[in-house]
Amino acid sequence: MRTNLQGLAGRRVTLTAVFWQYGTYRGRGCSGKTILLRHVRDLSGRLLADHTWINYTAGFAAAGEFRRGDAVRFTARVDEYVKGYLGENIDDRLARPLAVDYRLKFPRRVEKIGRVDQGVHPVPG
């Protein structure tokens, strides 16, 4: 669980992170593109999540093509959700019990701020 995001639930925050890779999802009759961000921090430098998957929105597309190691700054809303297995198989329910976790939604104001491998840290300063 991303407990450092818990106190920010329901709020829009400015974050920095390191782009890691593109991905896709399929479910409930739709599909889309996602990105994996690592080392997600607030502007004070506090680590909020070691990683998170977030929807690849028009804001990310407008910022250009990302490569692993690109540092990015953006705003997003922190949202609470329930994860785990919801089906009827008892073994799967025991292996993946329901739990509250936190995610980032509706990213805006996306901008590349450098590359981590070139000495640019994801947090300005």
Protein backbone atom coordinates (compact mmCIF):
# COMPACT_ATOMS: atom_id res chain seq x y z
CA MET A 1 0.00 0.00 0.00
CA ARG A 2 1.15 3.52 -0.76
CA THR A 3 0.68 4.83 2.79
CA ASN A 4 2.49 8.11 2.14
CA LEU A 5 -0.30 9.02 -0.30
CA GLN A 6 -3.01 8.30 2.28
CA GLY A 7 -3.02 11.77 3.84
CA LEU A 8 -3.36 13.36 0.40
CA ALA A 9 -6.48 11.43 -0.67
CA GLY A 10 -8.93 13.64 -2.55
CA ARG A 11 -6.40 16.42 -3.13
CA ARG A 12 -4.59 17.58 -6.26
CA VAL A 13 -0.83 17.70 -5.67
CA THR A 14 2.28 18.60 -7.65
CA LEU A 15 4.66 15.67 -7.98
CA THR A 16 7.91 14.65 -9.59
CA ALA A 17 8.81 11.16 -10.78
CA VAL A 18 11.07 9.19 -13.10
CA PHE A 19 9.54 7.73 -16.26
CA TRP A 20 10.25 4.00 -16.50
CA GLN A 21 8.16 2.38 -19.25
CA TYR A 22 4.97 2.41 -21.31
CA GLY A 23 2.25 -0.18 -20.81
CA THR A 24 -1.32 -1.02 -21.79
CA TYR A 25 -4.46 -2.17 -20.02
CA ARG A 26 -7.61 -3.98 -21.07
CA GLY A 27 -10.75 -4.35 -19.05
CA ARG A 28 -14.47 -3.72 -18.92
CA GLY A 29 -14.70 -3.42 -22.68
CA CYS A 30 -12.02 -0.76 -23.09
CA SER A 31 -8.27 -0.52 -23.42
CA GLY A 32 -5.70 2.22 -23.11
CA LYS A 33 -2.11 3.22 -22.70
CA THR A 34 -0.39 3.65 -19.33
CA ILE A 35 3.03 4.64 -18.06
CA LEU A 36 5.05 3.37 -15.13
CA LEU A 37 6.52 6.11 -12.96
CA ARG A 38 9.10 5.40 -10.27
CA HIS A 39 10.37 7.43 -7.31
CA VAL A 40 7.21 9.54 -7.02
CA ARG A 41 7.91 12.51 -4.74
CA ASP A 42 6.25 15.71 -3.60
CA LEU A 43 8.01 19.03 -4.15
CA SER A 44 9.68 18.85 -0.74
CA GLY A 45 11.40 15.65 -1.89
CA ARG A 46 9.43 13.24 0.32
CA LEU A 47 9.01 9.82 -1.32
CA LEU A 48 5.29 9.14 -1.73
CA ALA A 49 5.44 5.93 -3.78
CA ASP A 50 8.25 3.74 -5.09
CA HIS A 51 6.20 3.26 -8.26
CA THR A 52 2.76 3.82 -9.75
CA TRP A 53 1.00 3.12 -13.03
CA ILE A 54 -0.90 6.11 -14.39
CA ASN A 55 -3.00 6.64 -17.52
CA TYR A 56 -1.14 8.06 -20.49
CA THR A 57 -3.17 11.22 -21.05
CA ALA A 58 -3.02 14.06 -23.55
CA GLY A 59 -0.78 15.92 -21.10
CA PHE A 60 1.88 13.22 -21.33
CA ALA A 61 1.46 13.02 -25.11
CA ALA A 62 1.96 16.80 -25.43
CA ALA A 63 5.20 16.59 -23.41
CA GLY A 64 6.70 14.34 -26.12
CA GLU A 65 8.17 10.86 -26.24
CA PHE A 66 9.58 9.63 -22.94
CA ARG A 67 12.68 7.50 -22.40
CA ARG A 68 13.59 5.56 -19.28
CA GLY A 69 15.23 7.97 -16.86
CA ASP A 70 13.35 11.12 -17.92
CA ALA A 71 12.38 13.21 -14.90
CA VAL A 72 8.85 14.59 -15.07
CA ARG A 73 6.82 17.08 -13.03
CA PHE A 74 3.01 17.04 -13.07
CA THR A 75 -0.10 17.52 -10.96
CA ALA A 76 -2.51 14.69 -10.18
CA ARG A 77 -5.38 13.87 -7.86
CA VAL A 78 -4.76 11.23 -5.18
CA ASP A 79 -7.60 8.70 -5.11
CA GLU A 80 -8.43 5.81 -2.78
CA TYR A 81 -9.51 2.47 -4.26
CA VAL A 82 -10.00 -1.17 -3.26
CA LYS A 83 -7.65 -3.71 -4.80
CA GLY A 84 -7.66 -7.48 -4.61
CA TYR A 85 -9.59 -10.44 -5.99
CA LEU A 86 -13.37 -9.99 -6.17
CA GLY A 87 -14.26 -13.37 -7.67
CA GLU A 88 -15.69 -16.53 -6.11
CA ASN A 89 -12.55 -18.71 -6.05
CA ILE A 90 -11.59 -19.10 -2.38
CA ASP A 91 -7.90 -19.80 -3.08
CA ASP A 92 -7.62 -16.62 -5.15
CA ARG A 93 -9.44 -14.63 -2.47
CA LEU A 94 -6.96 -15.83 0.15
CA ALA A 95 -3.98 -15.14 -2.13
CA ARG A 96 -5.18 -11.62 -3.05
CA PRO A 97 -7.39 -10.26 -0.26
CA LEU A 98 -9.17 -6.94 -0.59
CA ALA A 99 -7.21 -3.92 0.63
CA VAL A 100 -7.41 -0.14 0.35
CA ASP A 101 -4.66 1.47 -1.73
CA TYR A 102 -4.02 4.86 -3.33
CA ARG A 103 -3.47 5.89 -6.94
CA LEU A 104 -2.90 9.01 -9.00
CA LYS A 105 -5.63 10.18 -11.38
CA PHE A 106 -6.19 12.99 -13.86
CA PRO A 107 -2.58 14.08 -14.46
CA ARG A 108 -2.22 17.67 -15.70
CA ARG A 109 0.56 20.20 -16.39
CA VAL A 110 3.01 17.50 -17.44
CA GLU A 111 6.55 18.66 -18.21
CA LYS A 112 9.90 16.99 -18.63
CA ILE A 113 12.45 18.49 -16.25
CA GLY A 114 15.58 16.61 -17.30
CA ARG A 115 17.14 13.18 -17.06
CA VAL A 116 18.07 11.40 -13.87
CA ASP A 117 21.12 9.76 -15.49
CA GLN A 118 22.49 13.23 -16.34
CA GLY A 119 22.56 14.35 -12.74
CA VAL A 120 19.11 15.96 -12.75
CA HIS A 121 17.16 14.87 -9.70
CA PRO A 122 13.39 14.50 -9.96
CA VAL A 123 13.01 17.20 -7.30
CA PRO A 124 14.19 20.69 -8.20
CA GLY A 125 16.75 22.20 -5.87
